[in-house]
C-alpha atoms as a PDB file:
ATOM      1  CA  UNK A   1       8.141   8.721 -13.495  1.00  0.00           C
ATOM      2  CA  UNK A   2      10.086  12.033 -13.810  1.00  0.00           C
ATOM      3  CA  UNK A   3       6.563  13.327 -11.781  1.00  0.00           C
ATOM      4  CA  UNK A   4       7.914  11.110  -8.754  1.00  0.00           C
ATOM      5  CA  UNK A   5      11.516  12.390  -9.082  1.00  0.00           C
ATOM      6  CA  UNK A   6      10.675  15.702  -9.335  1.00  0.00           C
ATOM      7  CA  UNK A   7       7.907  15.183  -6.191  1.00  0.00           C
ATOM      8  CA  UNK A   8      10.968  14.001  -4.329  1.00  0.00           C
ATOM      9  CA  UNK A   9      13.463  16.479  -5.030  1.00  0.00           C
ATOM     10  CA  UNK A  10      10.583  19.721  -4.369  1.00  0.00           C
ATOM     11  CA  UNK A  11       9.725  18.262  -1.135  1.00  0.00           C
ATOM     12  CA  UNK A  12      13.310  17.597   0.390  1.00  0.00           C
ATOM     13  CA  UNK A  13      14.874  21.083  -0.763  1.00  0.00           C
ATOM     14  CA  UNK A  14      11.883  22.560   0.099  1.00  0.00           C
ATOM     15  CA  UNK A  15       9.415  21.099   2.482  1.00  0.00           C
ATOM     16  CA  UNK A  16       9.074  21.363   6.640  1.00  0.00           C
ATOM     17  CA  UNK A  17      10.517  19.504   9.210  1.00  0.00           C
ATOM     18  CA  UNK A  18       7.962  18.455  11.703  1.00  0.00           C
ATOM     19  CA  UNK A  19       7.994  15.668  14.233  1.00  0.00           C
ATOM     20  CA  UNK A  20       5.835  12.313  13.671  1.00  0.00           C
ATOM     21  CA  UNK A  21       4.179   9.780  15.264  1.00  0.00           C
ATOM     22  CA  UNK A  22       6.898   7.569  15.095  1.00  0.00           C
ATOM     23  CA  UNK A  23       9.346   9.343  16.308  1.00  0.00           C
ATOM     24  CA  UNK A  24      11.430   9.387  13.378  1.00  0.00           C
ATOM     25  CA  UNK A  25      10.510  13.164  11.995  1.00  0.00           C
ATOM     26  CA  UNK A  26      10.342  14.079   8.098  1.00  0.00           C
ATOM     27  CA  UNK A  27      10.582  16.718   5.958  1.00  0.00           C
ATOM     28  CA  UNK A  28       6.823  16.995   5.034  1.00  0.00           C
ATOM     29  CA  UNK A  29       4.971  19.179   2.522  1.00  0.00           C
ATOM     30  CA  UNK A  30       1.724  19.646   1.946  1.00  0.00           C
ATOM     31  CA  UNK A  31      -1.101  18.839  -0.837  1.00  0.00           C
ATOM     32  CA  UNK A  32       0.227  17.447  -4.162  1.00  0.00           C
ATOM     33  CA  UNK A  33      -0.965  15.711  -7.029  1.00  0.00           C
ATOM     34  CA  UNK A  34       0.407  13.336  -9.969  1.00  0.00           C
ATOM     35  CA  UNK A  35      -1.047  12.078 -13.455  1.00  0.00           C
ATOM     36  CA  UNK A  36       0.347   8.812 -14.691  1.00  0.00           C
ATOM     37  CA  UNK A  37      -1.496   8.227 -18.089  1.00  0.00           C
ATOM     38  CA  UNK A  38      -1.697   4.150 -17.830  1.00  0.00           C
ATOM     39  CA  UNK A  39      -1.626   4.232 -22.039  1.00  0.00           C
ATOM     40  CA  UNK A  40       2.590   5.184 -21.718  1.00  0.00           C
ATOM     41  CA  UNK A  41       3.526   2.225 -19.864  1.00  0.00           C
ATOM     42  CA  UNK A  42       2.907   0.459 -16.399  1.00  0.00           C
ATOM     43  CA  UNK A  43       4.227   3.047 -13.566  1.00  0.00           C
ATOM     44  CA  UNK A  44       6.632   1.173 -11.730  1.00  0.00           C
ATOM     45  CA  UNK A  45       9.480   3.068 -10.496  1.00  0.00           C
ATOM     46  CA  UNK A  46      12.796   2.440 -12.398  1.00  0.00           C
ATOM     47  CA  UNK A  47      15.212   4.652 -10.274  1.00  0.00           C
ATOM     48  CA  UNK A  48      14.573   1.476  -7.495  1.00  0.00           C
ATOM     49  CA  UNK A  49      13.790  -1.625  -7.725  1.00  0.00           C
ATOM     50  CA  UNK A  50      10.037  -2.375  -6.749  1.00  0.00           C
ATOM     51  CA  UNK A  51       9.182  -5.603  -5.701  1.00  0.00           C
ATOM     52  CA  UNK A  52       6.147  -6.168  -7.893  1.00  0.00           C
ATOM     53  CA  UNK A  53       5.230  -9.250  -5.819  1.00  0.00           C
ATOM     54  CA  UNK A  54       4.600  -7.749  -3.017  1.00  0.00           C
ATOM     55  CA  UNK A  55       2.046  -5.219  -4.451  1.00  0.00           C
ATOM     56  CA  UNK A  56       0.104  -7.133  -6.333  1.00  0.00           C
ATOM     57  CA  UNK A  57      -0.279 -10.106  -3.716  1.00  0.00           C
ATOM     58  CA  UNK A  58      -1.324  -6.831  -0.741  1.00  0.00           C
ATOM     59  CA  UNK A  59      -3.927  -5.391  -3.554  1.00  0.00           C
ATOM     60  CA  UNK A  60      -5.742  -8.920  -4.267  1.00  0.00           C
ATOM     61  CA  UNK A  61      -5.164  -9.133   0.238  1.00  0.00           C
ATOM     62  CA  UNK A  62      -7.129  -6.371   0.056  1.00  0.00           C
ATOM     63  CA  UNK A  63      -9.796  -7.358  -2.677  1.00  0.00           C
ATOM     64  CA  UNK A  64     -10.587 -10.250  -0.626  1.00  0.00           C
ATOM     65  CA  UNK A  65     -11.441  -9.002   2.244  1.00  0.00           C
ATOM     66  CA  UNK A  66      -9.330 -10.020   4.166  1.00  0.00           C
ATOM     67  CA  UNK A  67      -7.683  -8.110   7.127  1.00  0.00           C
ATOM     68  CA  UNK A  68      -5.491 -11.520   8.412  1.00  0.00           C
ATOM     69  CA  UNK A  69      -1.309 -10.808   7.832  1.00  0.00           C
ATOM     70  CA  UNK A  70      -1.325 -14.964   7.156  1.00  0.00           C
ATOM     71  CA  UNK A  71      -2.449 -14.764   3.691  1.00  0.00           C
ATOM     72  CA  UNK A  72       0.504 -12.149   2.641  1.00  0.00           C
ATOM     73  CA  UNK A  73       3.003 -14.620   4.554  1.00  0.00           C
ATOM     74  CA  UNK A  74       1.774 -17.576   2.308  1.00  0.00           C
ATOM     75  CA  UNK A  75       3.036 -15.574  -0.781  1.00  0.00           C
ATOM     76  CA  UNK A  76       6.204 -14.357   1.192  1.00  0.00           C
ATOM     77  CA  UNK A  77       4.916 -10.565   1.923  1.00  0.00           C
ATOM     78  CA  UNK A  78       6.056  -9.067   5.305  1.00  0.00           C
ATOM     79  CA  UNK A  79       5.292  -5.430   3.893  1.00  0.00           C
ATOM     80  CA  UNK A  80       2.182  -5.800   7.129  1.00  0.00           C
ATOM     81  CA  UNK A  81       4.455  -8.056   9.818  1.00  0.00           C
ATOM     82  CA  UNK A  82       5.632  -5.269  12.085  1.00  0.00           C
ATOM     83  CA  UNK A  83       1.952  -3.817  13.052  1.00  0.00           C
ATOM     84  CA  UNK A  84       1.060  -7.199  13.614  1.00  0.00           C
ATOM     85  CA  UNK A  85       4.487  -8.474  15.355  1.00  0.00           C
ATOM     86  CA  UNK A  86       3.718  -5.000  17.616  1.00  0.00           C
ATOM     87  CA  UNK A  87       0.493  -6.559  18.657  1.00  0.00           C
ATOM     88  CA  UNK A  88       1.586  -9.667  20.014  1.00  0.00           C
ATOM     89  CA  UNK A  89       4.763  -7.590  21.628  1.00  0.00           C
ATOM     90  CA  UNK A  90       2.839  -5.212  23.518  1.00  0.00           C
ATOM     91  CA  UNK A  91       0.447  -8.024  24.966  1.00  0.00           C
ATOM     92  CA  UNK A  92      -0.115  -9.305  28.119  1.00  0.00           C
ATOM     93  CA  UNK A  93       1.137 -12.693  26.566  1.00  0.00           C
ATOM     94  CA  UNK A  94       4.572 -11.874  25.268  1.00  0.00           C
ATOM     95  CA  UNK A  95       7.330 -12.955  27.512  1.00  0.00           C
ATOM     96  CA  UNK A  96      10.079 -13.043  25.183  1.00  0.00           C
ATOM     97  CA  UNK A  97      12.994  -9.729  25.720  1.00  0.00           C
ATOM     98  CA  UNK A  98      12.032  -5.872  25.486  1.00  0.00           C
ATOM     99  CA  UNK A  99      10.453  -5.141  22.043  1.00  0.00           C
ATOM    100  CA  UNK A 100       9.560  -1.676  22.991  1.00  0.00           C
ATOM    101  CA  UNK A 101      10.652   1.279  20.631  1.00  0.00           C
ATOM    102  CA  UNK A 102      11.817  -2.005  17.998  1.00  0.00           C
ATOM    103  CA  UNK A 103      11.629   0.038  14.775  1.00  0.00           C
ATOM    104  CA  UNK A 104      14.045   2.607  15.505  1.00  0.00           C
ATOM    105  CA  UNK A 105      16.324   0.477  17.460  1.00  0.00           C
ATOM    106  CA  UNK A 106      16.617  -1.801  14.347  1.00  0.00           C
ATOM    107  CA  UNK A 107      18.438   0.681  13.156  1.00  0.00           C
ATOM    108  CA  UNK A 108      19.850   2.000  15.626  1.00  0.00           C
ATOM    109  CA  UNK A 109      21.634  -1.092  17.648  1.00  0.00           C
ATOM    110  CA  UNK A 110      23.571  -3.444  16.051  1.00  0.00           C
ATOM    111  CA  UNK A 111      23.427  -6.104  18.915  1.00  0.00           C
ATOM    112  CA  UNK A 112      19.448  -5.507  19.099  1.00  0.00           C
ATOM    113  CA  UNK A 113      18.735  -6.348  15.817  1.00  0.00           C
ATOM    114  CA  UNK A 114      19.518 -10.574  15.605  1.00  0.00           C
ATOM    115  CA  UNK A 115      17.297 -10.201  19.030  1.00  0.00           C
ATOM    116  CA  UNK A 116      14.855  -9.021  17.283  1.00  0.00           C
ATOM    117  CA  UNK A 117      14.756 -10.985  14.162  1.00  0.00           C
ATOM    118  CA  UNK A 118      14.642 -14.118  16.288  1.00  0.00           C
ATOM    119  CA  UNK A 119      11.247 -12.928  17.837  1.00  0.00           C
ATOM    120  CA  UNK A 120       9.889 -12.147  14.423  1.00  0.00           C
ATOM    121  CA  UNK A 121      10.578 -15.660  12.767  1.00  0.00           C
ATOM    122  CA  UNK A 122       8.973 -16.793  16.078  1.00  0.00           C
ATOM    123  CA  UNK A 123       5.741 -14.621  14.939  1.00  0.00           C
ATOM    124  CA  UNK A 124       5.746 -15.216  11.877  1.00  0.00           C
ATOM    125  CA  UNK A 125       5.934 -19.200  12.228  1.00  0.00           C
ATOM    126  CA  UNK A 126       3.019 -19.299  14.818  1.00  0.00           C
ATOM    127  CA  UNK A 127       0.878 -16.990  12.497  1.00  0.00           C
ATOM    128  CA  UNK A 128       1.238 -19.586   9.967  1.00  0.00           C
ATOM    129  CA  UNK A 129       1.245 -22.388  11.450  1.00  0.00           C
ATOM    130  CA  UNK A 130      -1.268 -21.116  14.724  1.00  0.00           C
ATOM    131  CA  UNK A 131      -5.285 -21.279  13.659  1.00  0.00           C
ATOM    132  CA  UNK A 132      -5.562 -19.769  17.143  1.00  0.00           C
ATOM    133  CA  UNK A 133      -2.393 -17.649  17.395  1.00  0.00           C
ATOM    134  CA  UNK A 134      -3.053 -16.189  13.929  1.00  0.00           C
ATOM    135  CA  UNK A 135      -6.338 -15.426  14.604  1.00  0.00           C
ATOM    136  CA  UNK A 136      -5.317 -13.412  17.478  1.00  0.00           C
ATOM    137  CA  UNK A 137      -2.918 -11.415  16.089  1.00  0.00           C
ATOM    138  CA  UNK A 138      -2.301 -11.818  13.348  1.00  0.00           C
ATOM    139  CA  UNK A 139      -5.882  -9.906  11.975  1.00  0.00           C
ATOM    140  CA  UNK A 140      -5.258  -6.044  11.707  1.00  0.00           C
ATOM    141  CA  UNK A 141      -8.516  -5.151  12.839  1.00  0.00           C
ATOM    142  CA  UNK A 142     -11.299  -3.279  10.069  1.00  0.00           C
ATOM    143  CA  UNK A 143      -8.318  -2.063   7.474  1.00  0.00           C
ATOM    144  CA  UNK A 144      -8.695  -1.342   3.929  1.00  0.00           C
ATOM    145  CA  UNK A 145     -10.170  -5.025   2.923  1.00  0.00           C
ATOM    146  CA  UNK A 146     -12.260  -4.743   5.573  1.00  0.00           C
ATOM    147  CA  UNK A 147     -13.864  -1.622   4.994  1.00  0.00           C
ATOM    148  CA  UNK A 148     -14.032  -2.120   0.922  1.00  0.00           C
ATOM    149  CA  UNK A 149     -16.359  -5.256   1.055  1.00  0.00           C
ATOM    150  CA  UNK A 150     -17.844  -5.494   4.358  1.00  0.00           C
ATOM    151  CA  UNK A 151     -18.036  -2.232   5.565  1.00  0.00           C
ATOM    152  CA  UNK A 152     -20.318  -2.205   8.424  1.00  0.00           C
ATOM    153  CA  UNK A 153     -23.834  -0.022   8.649  1.00  0.00           C
ATOM    154  CA  UNK A 154     -25.717   1.286  11.777  1.00  0.00           C
ATOM    155  CA  UNK A 155     -28.133  -1.555  10.839  1.00  0.00           C
ATOM    156  CA  UNK A 156     -25.674  -4.465  11.334  1.00  0.00           C
ATOM    157  CA  UNK A 157     -25.724  -4.785   7.626  1.00  0.00           C
ATOM    158  CA  UNK A 158     -22.850  -4.639   5.466  1.00  0.00           C
ATOM    159  CA  UNK A 159     -22.157  -3.114   1.744  1.00  0.00           C
ATOM    160  CA  UNK A 160     -19.686  -4.077  -0.803  1.00  0.00           C
ATOM    161  CA  UNK A 161     -18.160  -1.298  -1.935  1.00  0.00           C
ATOM    162  CA  UNK A 162     -15.949  -2.761  -4.335  1.00  0.00           C
ATOM    163  CA  UNK A 163     -18.900  -4.842  -6.125  1.00  0.00           C
ATOM    164  CA  UNK A 164     -20.979  -1.996  -6.006  1.00  0.00           C
ATOM    165  CA  UNK A 165     -18.173   0.560  -7.302  1.00  0.00           C
ATOM    166  CA  UNK A 166     -18.631  -2.054 -10.352  1.00  0.00           C
ATOM    167  CA  UNK A 167     -22.223  -2.732 -10.578  1.00  0.00           C
ATOM    168  CA  UNK A 168     -22.470   1.443 -10.774  1.00  0.00           C
ATOM    169  CA  UNK A 169     -19.520   1.610 -13.562  1.00  0.00           C
ATOM    170  CA  UNK A 170     -21.127  -1.021 -15.844  1.00  0.00           C
ATOM    171  CA  UNK A 171     -25.047   0.400 -15.415  1.00  0.00           C
ATOM    172  CA  UNK A 172     -24.713   4.254 -14.388  1.00  0.00           C
ATOM    173  CA  UNK A 173     -21.262   4.817 -15.864  1.00  0.00           C
ATOM    174  CA  UNK A 174     -21.567   8.843 -15.916  1.00  0.00           C
ATOM    175  CA  UNK A 175     -22.270   8.794 -12.356  1.00  0.00           C
ATOM    176  CA  UNK A 176     -20.128  11.242 -10.180  1.00  0.00           C
ATOM    177  CA  UNK A 177     -20.504   8.680  -7.284  1.00  0.00           C
ATOM    178  CA  UNK A 178     -18.286   5.840  -8.009  1.00  0.00           C
ATOM    179  CA  UNK A 179     -16.581   6.266  -4.940  1.00  0.00           C
ATOM    180  CA  UNK A 180     -14.703   3.521  -2.259  1.00  0.00           C
ATOM    181  CA  UNK A 181     -13.516   4.570   1.390  1.00  0.00           C
ATOM    182  CA  UNK A 182     -11.160   2.878   3.620  1.00  0.00           C
ATOM    183  CA  UNK A 183     -11.744   5.935   6.464  1.00  0.00           C
ATOM    184  CA  UNK A 184     -14.333   5.250   8.905  1.00  0.00           C
ATOM    185  CA  UNK A 185     -14.084   7.053  11.965  1.00  0.00           C
ATOM    186  CA  UNK A 186     -15.199   4.819  13.456  1.00  0.00           C
ATOM    187  CA  UNK A 187     -13.177   1.658  13.147  1.00  0.00           C
ATOM    188  CA  UNK A 188     -10.327   4.110  12.852  1.00  0.00           C
ATOM    189  CA  UNK A 189      -9.548   3.024  16.859  1.00  0.00           C
ATOM    190  CA  UNK A 190      -9.568  -0.748  15.867  1.00  0.00           C
ATOM    191  CA  UNK A 191      -6.927  -0.055  13.328  1.00  0.00           C
ATOM    192  CA  UNK A 192      -3.217  -1.106  12.993  1.00  0.00           C
ATOM    193  CA  UNK A 193      -2.866   1.383  11.319  1.00  0.00           C
ATOM    194  CA  UNK A 194      -5.228   3.818   9.763  1.00  0.00           C
ATOM    195  CA  UNK A 195      -5.662   4.105   6.285  1.00  0.00           C
ATOM    196  CA  UNK A 196      -2.917   6.368   4.736  1.00  0.00           C
ATOM    197  CA  UNK A 197      -4.911   6.276   1.144  1.00  0.00           C
ATOM    198  CA  UNK A 198      -8.359   7.004   2.203  1.00  0.00           C
ATOM    199  CA  UNK A 199     -10.759   7.208  -0.710  1.00  0.00           C
ATOM    200  CA  UNK A 200     -10.602   6.474  -4.666  1.00  0.00           C
ATOM    201  CA  UNK A 201     -12.968   7.746  -7.106  1.00  0.00           C
ATOM    202  CA  UNK A 202     -13.734   6.284 -11.139  1.00  0.00           C
ATOM    203  CA  UNK A 203     -14.152   8.240 -13.936  1.00  0.00           C
ATOM    204  CA  UNK A 204     -15.694   6.908 -17.087  1.00  0.00           C
ATOM    205  CA  UNK A 205     -15.032   8.676 -20.702  1.00  0.00           C
ATOM    206  CA  UNK A 206     -14.477   7.746 -24.187  1.00  0.00           C
ATOM    207  CA  UNK A 207     -14.779   3.701 -22.849  1.00  0.00           C
ATOM    208  CA  UNK A 208     -11.535   4.276 -21.060  1.00  0.00           C
ATOM    209  CA  UNK A 209     -11.679   3.829 -16.386  1.00  0.00           C
ATOM    210  CA  UNK A 210      -8.840   6.813 -14.942  1.00  0.00           C
ATOM    211  CA  UNK A 211      -9.349   6.518 -10.908  1.00  0.00           C
ATOM    212  CA  UNK A 212      -7.715   9.220  -8.522  1.00  0.00           C
ATOM    213  CA  UNK A 213      -6.933   8.425  -5.221  1.00  0.00           C
ATOM    214  CA  UNK A 214      -6.895  10.928  -1.742  1.00  0.00           C
ATOM    215  CA  UNK A 215      -3.701   9.746   0.514  1.00  0.00           C
ATOM    216  CA  UNK A 216      -3.884  11.697   3.630  1.00  0.00           C
ATOM    217  CA  UNK A 217      -0.378  10.522   4.371  1.00  0.00           C
ATOM    218  CA  UNK A 218       2.523   9.219   2.386  1.00  0.00           C
ATOM    219  CA  UNK A 219       5.851   8.392   3.020  1.00  0.00           C
ATOM    220  CA  UNK A 220       7.518   8.872  -0.219  1.00  0.00           C
ATOM    221  CA  UNK A 221      10.634   6.858  -0.501  1.00  0.00           C
ATOM    222  CA  UNK A 222       9.400   3.508   0.637  1.00  0.00           C
ATOM    223  CA  UNK A 223       4.932   4.073   0.295  1.00  0.00           C
ATOM    224  CA  UNK A 224       4.576   6.156  -2.404  1.00  0.00           C
ATOM    225  CA  UNK A 225       5.743   4.153  -5.325  1.00  0.00           C
ATOM    226  CA  UNK A 226       3.959   0.946  -3.646  1.00  0.00           C
ATOM    227  CA  UNK A 227       0.635   3.002  -3.819  1.00  0.00           C
ATOM    228  CA  UNK A 228       1.471   4.336  -7.570  1.00  0.00           C
ATOM    229  CA  UNK A 229       1.612   0.596  -8.594  1.00  0.00           C
ATOM    230  CA  UNK A 230      -1.212  -0.575  -6.396  1.00  0.00           C
ATOM    231  CA  UNK A 231      -3.596   1.917  -7.560  1.00  0.00           C
ATOM    232  CA  UNK A 232      -3.069   1.246 -11.046  1.00  0.00           C
ATOM    233  CA  UNK A 233      -3.064  -2.246 -11.066  1.00  0.00           C
ATOM    234  CA  UNK A 234      -6.237  -1.612  -9.356  1.00  0.00           C
ATOM    235  CA  UNK A 235      -7.731   1.174 -11.897  1.00  0.00           C
ATOM    236  CA  UNK A 236      -6.324  -1.671 -14.060  1.00  0.00           C
ATOM    237  CA  UNK A 237      -8.361  -4.398 -13.090  1.00  0.00           C
ATOM    238  CA  UNK A 238     -11.245  -2.623 -12.182  1.00  0.00           C
ATOM    239  CA  UNK A 239     -11.531  -1.296 -15.748  1.00  0.00           C
ATOM    240  CA  UNK A 240     -10.947  -4.947 -17.671  1.00  0.00           C
ATOM    241  CA  UNK A 241     -14.389  -6.295 -14.869  1.00  0.00           C
ATOM    242  CA  UNK A 242     -16.099  -3.852 -16.040  1.00  0.00           C
ATOM    243  CA  UNK A 243     -15.193  -3.750 -20.037  1.00  0.00           C
ATOM    244  CA  UNK A 244     -13.031  -0.479 -20.296  1.00  0.00           C
ATOM    245  CA  UNK A 245      -9.231   0.438 -21.121  1.00  0.00           C
ATOM    246  CA  UNK A 246      -7.119   1.826 -18.264  1.00  0.00           C
ATOM    247  CA  UNK A 247      -7.048   5.949 -18.485  1.00  0.00           C
ATOM    248  CA  UNK A 248      -5.283   8.089 -16.028  1.00  0.00           C
ATOM    249  CA  UNK A 249      -4.285   7.636 -12.277  1.00  0.00           C
ATOM    250  CA  UNK A 250      -4.322  10.746 -10.309  1.00  0.00           C
ATOM    251  CA  UNK A 251      -2.517  10.155  -7.095  1.00  0.00           C
ATOM    252  CA  UNK A 252      -3.404  13.219  -3.920  1.00  0.00           C
ATOM    253  CA  UNK A 253      -1.523  13.743  -1.387  1.00  0.00           C
ATOM    254  CA  UNK A 254      -1.874  15.412   1.893  1.00  0.00           C
ATOM    255  CA  UNK A 255       1.332  15.634   3.388  1.00  0.00           C
ATOM    256  CA  UNK A 256       4.347  14.146   1.699  1.00  0.00           C
ATOM    257  CA  UNK A 257       7.021  13.415   4.062  1.00  0.00           C
ATOM    258  CA  UNK A 258      10.557  11.836   3.496  1.00  0.00           C
ATOM    259  CA  UNK A 259      11.497  10.358   7.118  1.00  0.00           C
ATOM    260  CA  UNK A 260      14.562  11.696   8.197  1.00  0.00           C
ATOM    261  CA  UNK A 261      16.560   8.055   7.968  1.00  0.00           C
ATOM    262  CA  UNK A 262      15.775   8.219   4.372  1.00  0.00           C
ATOM    263  CA  UNK A 263      17.148  11.422   2.750  1.00  0.00           C
ATOM    264  CA  UNK A 264      20.548  10.004   2.021  1.00  0.00           C
ATOM    265  CA  UNK A 265      18.223   7.269  -0.042  1.00  0.00           C
ATOM    266  CA  UNK A 266      16.230   9.923  -1.889  1.00  0.00           C
ATOM    267  CA  UNK A 267      19.582  11.587  -2.728  1.00  0.00           C
ATOM    268  CA  UNK A 268      21.025   8.378  -4.276  1.00  0.00           C
ATOM    269  CA  UNK A 269      17.795   7.831  -6.230  1.00  0.00           C
ATOM    270  CA  UNK A 270      17.684  11.442  -7.483  1.00  0.00           C
ATOM    271  CA  UNK A 271      21.314  10.760  -9.201  1.00  0.00           C
ATOM    272  CA  UNK A 272      19.752   7.769 -11.266  1.00  0.00           C
ATOM    273  CA  UNK A 273      18.367   8.586 -14.819  1.00  0.00           C
ATOM    274  CA  UNK A 274      14.841   6.826 -15.263  1.00  0.00           C
ATOM    275  CA  UNK A 275      14.178   3.626 -17.581  1.00  0.00           C
ATOM    276  CA  UNK A 276      11.584   2.532 -20.088  1.00  0.00           C
ATOM    277  CA  UNK A 277       8.015   1.894 -18.738  1.00  0.00           C
ATOM    278  CA  UNK A 278       7.217  -1.737 -18.297  1.00  0.00           C
ATOM    279  CA  UNK A 279       3.963  -3.397 -19.463  1.00  0.00           C
ATOM    280  CA  UNK A 280       1.679  -5.000 -17.505  1.00  0.00           C
ATOM    281  CA  UNK A 281      -0.409  -8.387 -18.360  1.00  0.00           C
ATOM    282  CA  UNK A 282      -2.841 -10.359 -16.544  1.00  0.00           C
ATOM    283  CA  UNK A 283      -5.289 -13.220 -17.436  1.00  0.00           C
ATOM    284  CA  UNK A 284      -8.233 -10.867 -19.240  1.00  0.00           C
ATOM    285  CA  UNK A 285     -11.000 -13.042 -19.118  1.00  0.00           C
ATOM    286  CA  UNK A 286     -10.105 -14.157 -15.127  1.00  0.00           C
ATOM    287  CA  UNK A 287     -12.669 -12.857 -12.984  1.00  0.00           C
ATOM    288  CA  UNK A 288     -11.379  -9.903 -10.428  1.00  0.00           C
ATOM    289  CA  UNK A 289     -12.347 -11.845  -7.129  1.00  0.00           C
ATOM    290  CA  UNK A 290     -10.445 -15.034  -8.159  1.00  0.00           C
ATOM    291  CA  UNK A 291      -7.202 -14.107  -9.386  1.00  0.00           C
ATOM    292  CA  UNK A 292      -3.318 -15.240  -7.452  1.00  0.00           C
ATOM    293  CA  UNK A 293      -0.951 -13.348  -7.525  1.00  0.00           C
ATOM    294  CA  UNK A 294       0.600 -15.725 -10.322  1.00  0.00           C
ATOM    295  CA  UNK A 295      -1.648 -14.555 -12.798  1.00  0.00           C
ATOM    296  CA  UNK A 296      -0.285 -10.883 -12.980  1.00  0.00           C
ATOM    297  CA  UNK A 297       3.404 -10.181 -14.310  1.00  0.00           C
ATOM    298  CA  UNK A 298       5.021  -6.882 -15.497  1.00  0.00           C
ATOM    299  CA  UNK A 299       7.073  -6.949 -18.788  1.00  0.00           C
ATOM    300  CA  UNK A 300       9.997  -5.482 -19.438  1.00  0.00           C
ATOM    301  CA  UNK A 301      10.597  -4.124 -16.107  1.00  0.00           C
ATOM    302  CA  UNK A 302      14.733  -3.895 -15.512  1.00  0.00           C
ATOM    303  CA  UNK A 303      14.864  -1.212 -13.368  1.00  0.00           C
ATOM    304  CA  UNK A 304      18.315   0.094 -10.952  1.00  0.00           C
ATOM    305  CA  UNK A 305      18.655  -1.871  -8.222  1.00  0.00           C
ATOM    306  CA  UNK A 306      17.558  -1.770  -4.660  1.00  0.00           C
ATOM    307  CA  UNK A 307      17.712   1.151  -1.973  1.00  0.00           C
ATOM    308  CA  UNK A 308      17.175  -0.072   1.284  1.00  0.00           C
ATOM    309  CA  UNK A 309      15.380   1.907   3.888  1.00  0.00           C
ATOM    310  CA  UNK A 310      13.879   1.264   7.570  1.00  0.00           C
ATOM    311  CA  UNK A 311      10.171   1.121   7.761  1.00  0.00           C
ATOM    312  CA  UNK A 312       9.006   3.685  10.487  1.00  0.00           C
ATOM    313  CA  UNK A 313       6.522   1.738  12.417  1.00  0.00           C
END
């Protein structure tokens, strides 16, 4: 994972200070690429602990075509909570305390944090326990899973991009069209968060499956370690489904940025030495679409301690 640390250092030292949608501010650099040979170990960041449980449950959520956070909450995954919560607190039905700019206020006002936590607890419990509430406020719109598994055509029919790309890899491996896209311009306004990882392409050679991801925007400290692990896992799972070995994961990033409130955390991470990469284990005989989080494990993951940082919403 040295290439990831080198990218962090490069952007920190040479990036441009820019404003952003969240109002947090970033140090940003445009156009970077990393390559990971999946035969050398699974590319999980080891200079801080990254929760693999969240990565695998989110990826399986995408693969199921789900867009409601209820599945994630059932697997103790809260990485999409804030976007669904924002939808609720900005609705005409919300009657609680003022939650304006809660993403920033959580970390700037200690007295606000317990108020936020109380409202978030009520919200997540309601998603889990109330079907109507979950349907109304748990759904994030036409985000990744919807585009991957049920892209809507102008005729009203849908395209299952994941099944189609698997069929294409199996029956026409030399094709240059093994592509899945999550960026649907018509649906972007209806998404809680427009896709950051927008398009990926598979490549077959010498019995191995490689994947290149184009990511329009990458939060280098919090998001990119998740994205590297998620798409490396996806590559391994699709390779197994197609009877191939995992090859290389190529990660191409447009706007690679460090949030201004992550700078001290980045410096702490850069002071640590990488450790050995873990190995991925999963049930090789199970169908891709029937996998559950407990079927996927990492062996030998012994990272440095976690480093906490706020999420920009």
